Amino acid sequence: MNIDIRKSIYNNFKDSNEQEITKAINDAISENDEITLPGLGVFFELLWKQSSDDEQNNIINKIKGAITK
């Protein structure tokens, strides 16, 4: 069985408002369930593609800072 995770995430959230998306992200993080990681990856991909070079550098710096804490 081949599941298109991106398409599934797009379809599940295309009509969601900001609060619903925020709740989904917070729930996925707080549940600490690895099955939610691909969905968060799709959200990250969307963020990354919509970010300028400066914003991408800021994201990388935040990730690096969090990893090295």
PDB file of N, CA and C in Angstrom:
ATOM      1  N   MET A   1       0.848  -1.183   0.000  1.00  0.00           N
ATOM      2  CA  MET A   1       0.000   0.000   0.000  1.00  0.00           C
ATOM      3  C   MET A   1       0.894   1.246   0.000  1.00  0.00           C
ATOM      4  N   ASN A   2       0.633   2.163  -0.910  1.00  0.00           N
ATOM      5  CA  ASN A   2       1.414   3.380  -1.044  1.00  0.00           C
ATOM      6  C   ASN A   2       0.541   4.576  -0.655  1.00  0.00           C
ATOM      7  N   ILE A   3       0.938   5.270   0.390  1.00  0.00           N
ATOM      8  CA  ILE A   3       0.174   6.410   0.890  1.00  0.00           C
ATOM      9  C   ILE A   3       0.917   7.696   0.535  1.00  0.00           C
ATOM     10  N   ASP A   4       0.226   8.638  -0.065  1.00  0.00           N
ATOM     11  CA  ASP A   4       0.798   9.941  -0.369  1.00  0.00           C
ATOM     12  C   ASP A   4       0.544  10.849   0.837  1.00  0.00           C
ATOM     13  N   ILE A   5       1.563  10.939   1.701  1.00  0.00           N
ATOM     14  CA  ILE A   5       1.414  11.689   2.951  1.00  0.00           C
ATOM     15  C   ILE A   5       1.139  13.163   2.684  1.00  0.00           C
ATOM     16  N   ARG A   6       1.864  13.737   1.716  1.00  0.00           N
ATOM     17  CA  ARG A   6       1.645  15.161   1.419  1.00  0.00           C
ATOM     18  C   ARG A   6       0.187  15.420   1.031  1.00  0.00           C
ATOM     19  N   LYS A   7      -0.314  14.610   0.107  1.00  0.00           N
ATOM     20  CA  LYS A   7      -1.689  14.789  -0.363  1.00  0.00           C
ATOM     21  C   LYS A   7      -2.679  14.616   0.786  1.00  0.00           C
ATOM     22  N   SER A   8      -2.424  13.643   1.632  1.00  0.00           N
ATOM     23  CA  SER A   8      -3.302  13.405   2.771  1.00  0.00           C
ATOM     24  C   SER A   8      -3.310  14.597   3.719  1.00  0.00           C
ATOM     25  N   ILE A   9      -2.129  15.137   4.027  1.00  0.00           N
ATOM     26  CA  ILE A   9      -2.047  16.303   4.919  1.00  0.00           C
ATOM     27  C   ILE A   9      -2.735  17.507   4.280  1.00  0.00           C
ATOM     28  N   TYR A  10      -2.462  17.750   3.001  1.00  0.00           N
ATOM     29  CA  TYR A  10      -3.117  18.868   2.302  1.00  0.00           C
ATOM     30  C   TYR A  10      -4.634  18.733   2.389  1.00  0.00           C
ATOM     31  N   ASN A  11      -5.142  17.547   2.101  1.00  0.00           N
ATOM     32  CA  ASN A  11      -6.592  17.330   2.116  1.00  0.00           C
ATOM     33  C   ASN A  11      -7.178  17.468   3.516  1.00  0.00           C
ATOM     34  N   ASN A  12      -6.454  16.981   4.521  1.00  0.00           N
ATOM     35  CA  ASN A  12      -6.960  17.043   5.893  1.00  0.00           C
ATOM     36  C   ASN A  12      -6.993  18.462   6.450  1.00  0.00           C
ATOM     37  N   PHE A  13      -6.123  19.336   5.954  1.00  0.00           N
ATOM     38  CA  PHE A  13      -6.009  20.671   6.549  1.00  0.00           C
ATOM     39  C   PHE A  13      -6.375  21.811   5.609  1.00  0.00           C
ATOM     40  N   LYS A  14      -6.784  21.512   4.384  1.00  0.00           N
ATOM     41  CA  LYS A  14      -7.022  22.588   3.411  1.00  0.00           C
ATOM     42  C   LYS A  14      -8.109  23.567   3.845  1.00  0.00           C
ATOM     43  N   ASP A  15      -9.066  23.127   4.627  1.00  0.00           N
ATOM     44  CA  ASP A  15     -10.140  24.008   5.078  1.00  0.00           C
ATOM     45  C   ASP A  15      -9.988  24.419   6.545  1.00  0.00           C
ATOM     46  N   SER A  16      -8.842  24.120   7.143  1.00  0.00           N
ATOM     47  CA  SER A  16      -8.615  24.427   8.556  1.00  0.00           C
ATOM     48  C   SER A  16      -8.245  25.888   8.748  1.00  0.00           C
ATOM     49  N   ASN A  17      -8.644  26.419   9.891  1.00  0.00           N
ATOM     50  CA  ASN A  17      -8.235  27.784  10.232  1.00  0.00           C
ATOM     51  C   ASN A  17      -6.935  27.734  11.038  1.00  0.00           C
ATOM     52  N   GLU A  18      -6.419  28.891  11.383  1.00  0.00           N
ATOM     53  CA  GLU A  18      -5.134  28.972  12.080  1.00  0.00           C
ATOM     54  C   GLU A  18      -5.164  28.254  13.426  1.00  0.00           C
ATOM     55  N   GLN A  19      -6.264  28.390  14.148  1.00  0.00           N
ATOM     56  CA  GLN A  19      -6.368  27.756  15.464  1.00  0.00           C
ATOM     57  C   GLN A  19      -6.357  26.227  15.337  1.00  0.00           C
ATOM     58  N   GLU A  20      -7.010  25.699  14.333  1.00  0.00           N
ATOM     59  CA  GLU A  20      -7.036  24.249  14.137  1.00  0.00           C
ATOM     60  C   GLU A  20      -5.652  23.712  13.763  1.00  0.00           C
ATOM     61  N   ILE A  21      -4.950  24.454  12.933  1.00  0.00           N
ATOM     62  CA  ILE A  21      -3.597  24.035  12.547  1.00  0.00           C
ATOM     63  C   ILE A  21      -2.668  24.125  13.754  1.00  0.00           C
ATOM     64  N   THR A  22      -2.782  25.200  14.516  1.00  0.00           N
ATOM     65  CA  THR A  22      -1.973  25.348  15.728  1.00  0.00           C
ATOM     66  C   THR A  22      -2.225  24.197  16.690  1.00  0.00           C
ATOM     67  N   LYS A  23      -3.493  23.858  16.891  1.00  0.00           N
ATOM     68  CA  LYS A  23      -3.847  22.755  17.785  1.00  0.00           C
ATOM     69  C   LYS A  23      -3.262  21.441  17.282  1.00  0.00           C
ATOM     70  N   ALA A  24      -3.343  21.199  15.989  1.00  0.00           N
ATOM     71  CA  ALA A  24      -2.797  19.959  15.420  1.00  0.00           C
ATOM     72  C   ALA A  24      -1.293  19.867  15.656  1.00  0.00           C
ATOM     73  N   ILE A  25      -0.582  20.977  15.466  1.00  0.00           N
ATOM     74  CA  ILE A  25       0.864  20.996  15.686  1.00  0.00           C
ATOM     75  C   ILE A  25       1.171  20.768  17.159  1.00  0.00           C
ATOM     76  N   ASN A  26       0.508  21.503  18.038  1.00  0.00           N
ATOM     77  CA  ASN A  26       0.755  21.354  19.471  1.00  0.00           C
ATOM     78  C   ASN A  26       0.415  19.956  19.965  1.00  0.00           C
ATOM     79  N   ASP A  27      -0.689  19.397  19.488  1.00  0.00           N
ATOM     80  CA  ASP A  27      -1.070  18.041  19.879  1.00  0.00           C
ATOM     81  C   ASP A  27      -0.036  17.021  19.407  1.00  0.00           C
ATOM     82  N   ALA A  28       0.429  17.173  18.173  1.00  0.00           N
ATOM     83  CA  ALA A  28       1.424  16.247  17.635  1.00  0.00           C
ATOM     84  C   ALA A  28       2.707  16.294  18.457  1.00  0.00           C
ATOM     85  N   ILE A  29       3.112  17.476  18.864  1.00  0.00           N
ATOM     86  CA  ILE A  29       4.336  17.614  19.660  1.00  0.00           C
ATOM     87  C   ILE A  29       4.132  17.079  21.075  1.00  0.00           C
ATOM     88  N   SER A  30       3.017  17.413  21.691  1.00  0.00           N
ATOM     89  CA  SER A  30       2.794  17.013  23.083  1.00  0.00           C
ATOM     90  C   SER A  30       2.550  15.507  23.227  1.00  0.00           C
ATOM     91  N   GLU A  31       1.992  14.881  22.209  1.00  0.00           N
ATOM     92  CA  GLU A  31       1.750  13.434  22.267  1.00  0.00           C
ATOM     93  C   GLU A  31       3.033  12.641  22.142  1.00  0.00           C
ATOM     94  N   ASN A  32       4.083  13.278  21.600  1.00  0.00           N
ATOM     95  CA  ASN A  32       5.386  12.630  21.457  1.00  0.00           C
ATOM     96  C   ASN A  32       5.263  11.289  20.733  1.00  0.00           C
ATOM     97  N   ASP A  33       4.382  11.254  19.740  1.00  0.00           N
ATOM     98  CA  ASP A  33       4.119  10.041  18.978  1.00  0.00           C
ATOM     99  C   ASP A  33       4.816  10.159  17.626  1.00  0.00           C
ATOM    100  N   GLU A  34       5.705   9.245  17.338  1.00  0.00           N
ATOM    101  CA  GLU A  34       6.501   9.331  16.117  1.00  0.00           C
ATOM    102  C   GLU A  34       5.668   9.203  14.847  1.00  0.00           C
ATOM    103  N   ILE A  35       4.462   8.718  14.955  1.00  0.00           N
ATOM    104  CA  ILE A  35       3.617   8.594  13.767  1.00  0.00           C
ATOM    105  C   ILE A  35       3.203   9.965  13.232  1.00  0.00           C
ATOM    106  N   THR A  36       3.279  10.998  14.079  1.00  0.00           N
ATOM    107  CA  THR A  36       2.904  12.346  13.650  1.00  0.00           C
ATOM    108  C   THR A  36       4.051  13.083  12.972  1.00  0.00           C
ATOM    109  N   LEU A  37       5.264  12.563  13.057  1.00  0.00           N
ATOM    110  CA  LEU A  37       6.421  13.259  12.485  1.00  0.00           C
ATOM    111  C   LEU A  37       6.303  13.507  10.981  1.00  0.00           C
ATOM    112  N   PRO A  38       5.819  12.563  10.184  1.00  0.00           N
ATOM    113  CA  PRO A  38       5.687  12.866   8.748  1.00  0.00           C
ATOM    114  C   PRO A  38       4.759  14.050   8.479  1.00  0.00           C
ATOM    115  N   GLY A  39       3.669  14.153   9.228  1.00  0.00           N
ATOM    116  CA  GLY A  39       2.761  15.289   9.049  1.00  0.00           C
ATOM    117  C   GLY A  39       3.422  16.605   9.398  1.00  0.00           C
ATOM    118  N   LEU A  40       4.188  16.616  10.482  1.00  0.00           N
ATOM    119  CA  LEU A  40       4.921  17.826  10.846  1.00  0.00           C
ATOM    120  C   LEU A  40       5.971  18.142   9.793  1.00  0.00           C
ATOM    121  N   GLY A  41       6.529  17.110   9.192  1.00  0.00           N
ATOM    122  CA  GLY A  41       7.492  17.312   8.108  1.00  0.00           C
ATOM    123  C   GLY A  41       6.856  17.987   6.907  1.00  0.00           C
ATOM    124  N   VAL A  42       5.610  17.628   6.613  1.00  0.00           N
ATOM    125  CA  VAL A  42       4.891  18.271   5.504  1.00  0.00           C
ATOM    126  C   VAL A  42       4.649  19.737   5.835  1.00  0.00           C
ATOM    127  N   PHE A  43       4.260  20.026   7.070  1.00  0.00           N
ATOM    128  CA  PHE A  43       4.090  21.425   7.476  1.00  0.00           C
ATOM    129  C   PHE A  43       5.410  22.181   7.337  1.00  0.00           C
ATOM    130  N   PHE A  44       6.516  21.551   7.765  1.00  0.00           N
ATOM    131  CA  PHE A  44       7.818  22.193   7.657  1.00  0.00           C
ATOM    132  C   PHE A  44       8.174  22.451   6.198  1.00  0.00           C
ATOM    133  N   GLU A  45       7.888  21.484   5.332  1.00  0.00           N
ATOM    134  CA  GLU A  45       8.166  21.658   3.909  1.00  0.00           C
ATOM    135  C   GLU A  45       7.410  22.863   3.352  1.00  0.00           C
ATOM    136  N   LEU A  46       6.144  22.999   3.729  1.00  0.00           N
ATOM    137  CA  LEU A  46       5.355  24.143   3.275  1.00  0.00           C
ATOM    138  C   LEU A  46       5.960  25.456   3.776  1.00  0.00           C
ATOM    139  N   LEU A  47       6.349  25.476   5.045  1.00  0.00           N
ATOM    140  CA  LEU A  47       6.978  26.661   5.622  1.00  0.00           C
ATOM    141  C   LEU A  47       8.263  27.000   4.885  1.00  0.00           C
ATOM    142  N   TRP A  48       9.079  25.998   4.670  1.00  0.00           N
ATOM    143  CA  TRP A  48      10.383  26.196   4.025  1.00  0.00           C
ATOM    144  C   TRP A  48      10.227  26.761   2.616  1.00  0.00           C
ATOM    145  N   LYS A  49       9.306  26.195   1.860  1.00  0.00           N
ATOM    146  CA  LYS A  49       9.107  26.633   0.472  1.00  0.00           C
ATOM    147  C   LYS A  49       8.575  28.057   0.385  1.00  0.00           C
ATOM    148  N   GLN A  50       7.882  28.510   1.420  1.00  0.00           N
ATOM    149  CA  GLN A  50       7.303  29.858   1.418  1.00  0.00           C
ATOM    150  C   GLN A  50       8.215  30.898   2.066  1.00  0.00           C
ATOM    151  N   SER A  51       9.392  30.460   2.524  1.00  0.00           N
ATOM    152  CA  SER A  51      10.295  31.349   3.247  1.00  0.00           C
ATOM    153  C   SER A  51      11.362  31.925   2.324  1.00  0.00           C
ATOM    154  N   SER A  52      11.730  33.157   2.598  1.00  0.00           N
ATOM    155  CA  SER A  52      12.841  33.795   1.882  1.00  0.00           C
ATOM    156  C   SER A  52      14.154  33.170   2.356  1.00  0.00           C
ATOM    157  N   ASP A  53      15.242  33.513   1.683  1.00  0.00           N
ATOM    158  CA  ASP A  53      16.557  33.025   2.099  1.00  0.00           C
ATOM    159  C   ASP A  53      16.870  33.454   3.529  1.00  0.00           C
ATOM    160  N   ASP A  54      16.555  34.692   3.866  1.00  0.00           N
ATOM    161  CA  ASP A  54      16.798  35.186   5.228  1.00  0.00           C
ATOM    162  C   ASP A  54      15.959  34.411   6.250  1.00  0.00           C
ATOM    163  N   GLU A  55      14.701  34.157   5.919  1.00  0.00           N
ATOM    164  CA  GLU A  55      13.843  33.396   6.825  1.00  0.00           C
ATOM    165  C   GLU A  55      14.348  31.964   6.975  1.00  0.00           C
ATOM    166  N   GLN A  56      14.803  31.361   5.881  1.00  0.00           N
ATOM    167  CA  GLN A  56      15.355  30.009   5.954  1.00  0.00           C
ATOM    168  C   GLN A  56      16.595  29.974   6.841  1.00  0.00           C
ATOM    169  N   ASN A  57      17.453  30.982   6.711  1.00  0.00           N
ATOM    170  CA  ASN A  57      18.636  31.057   7.576  1.00  0.00           C
ATOM    171  C   ASN A  57      18.233  31.195   9.037  1.00  0.00           C
ATOM    172  N   ASN A  58      17.195  31.977   9.314  1.00  0.00           N
ATOM    173  CA  ASN A  58      16.693  32.135  10.673  1.00  0.00           C
ATOM    174  C   ASN A  58      16.167  30.800  11.208  1.00  0.00           C
ATOM    175  N   ILE A  59      15.434  30.074  10.389  1.00  0.00           N
ATOM    176  CA  ILE A  59      14.924  28.757  10.786  1.00  0.00           C
ATOM    177  C   ILE A  59      16.081  27.824  11.124  1.00  0.00           C
ATOM    178  N   ILE A  60      17.087  27.786  10.256  1.00  0.00           N
ATOM    179  CA  ILE A  60      18.249  26.936  10.477  1.00  0.00           C
ATOM    180  C   ILE A  60      18.956  27.316  11.780  1.00  0.00           C
ATOM    181  N   ASN A  61      19.126  28.601  12.011  1.00  0.00           N
ATOM    182  CA  ASN A  61      19.770  29.053  13.250  1.00  0.00           C
ATOM    183  C   ASN A  61      18.963  28.646  14.484  1.00  0.00           C
ATOM    184  N   LYS A  62      17.647  28.723  14.406  1.00  0.00           N
ATOM    185  CA  LYS A  62      16.800  28.302  15.533  1.00  0.00           C
ATOM    186  C   LYS A  62      16.919  26.802  15.768  1.00  0.00           C
ATOM    187  N   ILE A  63      16.914  26.036  14.692  1.00  0.00           N
ATOM    188  CA  ILE A  63      17.060  24.576  14.822  1.00  0.00           C
ATOM    189  C   ILE A  63      18.421  24.248  15.423  1.00  0.00           C
ATOM    190  N   LYS A  64      19.466  24.863  14.889  1.00  0.00           N
ATOM    191  CA  LYS A  64      20.822  24.625  15.386  1.00  0.00           C
ATOM    192  C   LYS A  64      20.918  24.984  16.862  1.00  0.00           C
ATOM    193  N   GLY A  65      20.345  26.113  17.232  1.00  0.00           N
ATOM    194  CA  GLY A  65      20.360  26.528  18.636  1.00  0.00           C
ATOM    195  C   GLY A  65      19.633  25.550  19.539  1.00  0.00           C
ATOM    196  N   ALA A  66      18.521  25.033  19.066  1.00  0.00           N
ATOM    197  CA  ALA A  66      17.745  24.076  19.865  1.00  0.00           C
ATOM    198  C   ALA A  66      18.472  22.745  20.011  1.00  0.00           C
ATOM    199  N   ILE A  67      19.175  22.344  18.965  1.00  0.00           N
ATOM    200  CA  ILE A  67      19.909  21.068  18.996  1.00  0.00           C
ATOM    201  C   ILE A  67      21.091  21.150  19.954  1.00  0.00           C
ATOM    202  N   THR A  68      21.740  22.296  19.994  1.00  0.00           N
ATOM    203  CA  THR A  68      22.961  22.418  20.790  1.00  0.00           C
ATOM    204  C   THR A  68      22.706  22.882  22.226  1.00  0.00           C
ATOM    205  N   LYS A  69      21.449  23.045  22.620  1.00  0.00           N
ATOM    206  CA  LYS A  69      21.126  23.453  23.995  1.00  0.00           C
ATOM    207  C   LYS A  69      21.561  22.407  24.981  1.00  0.00           C
TER     208      LYS A  69
END
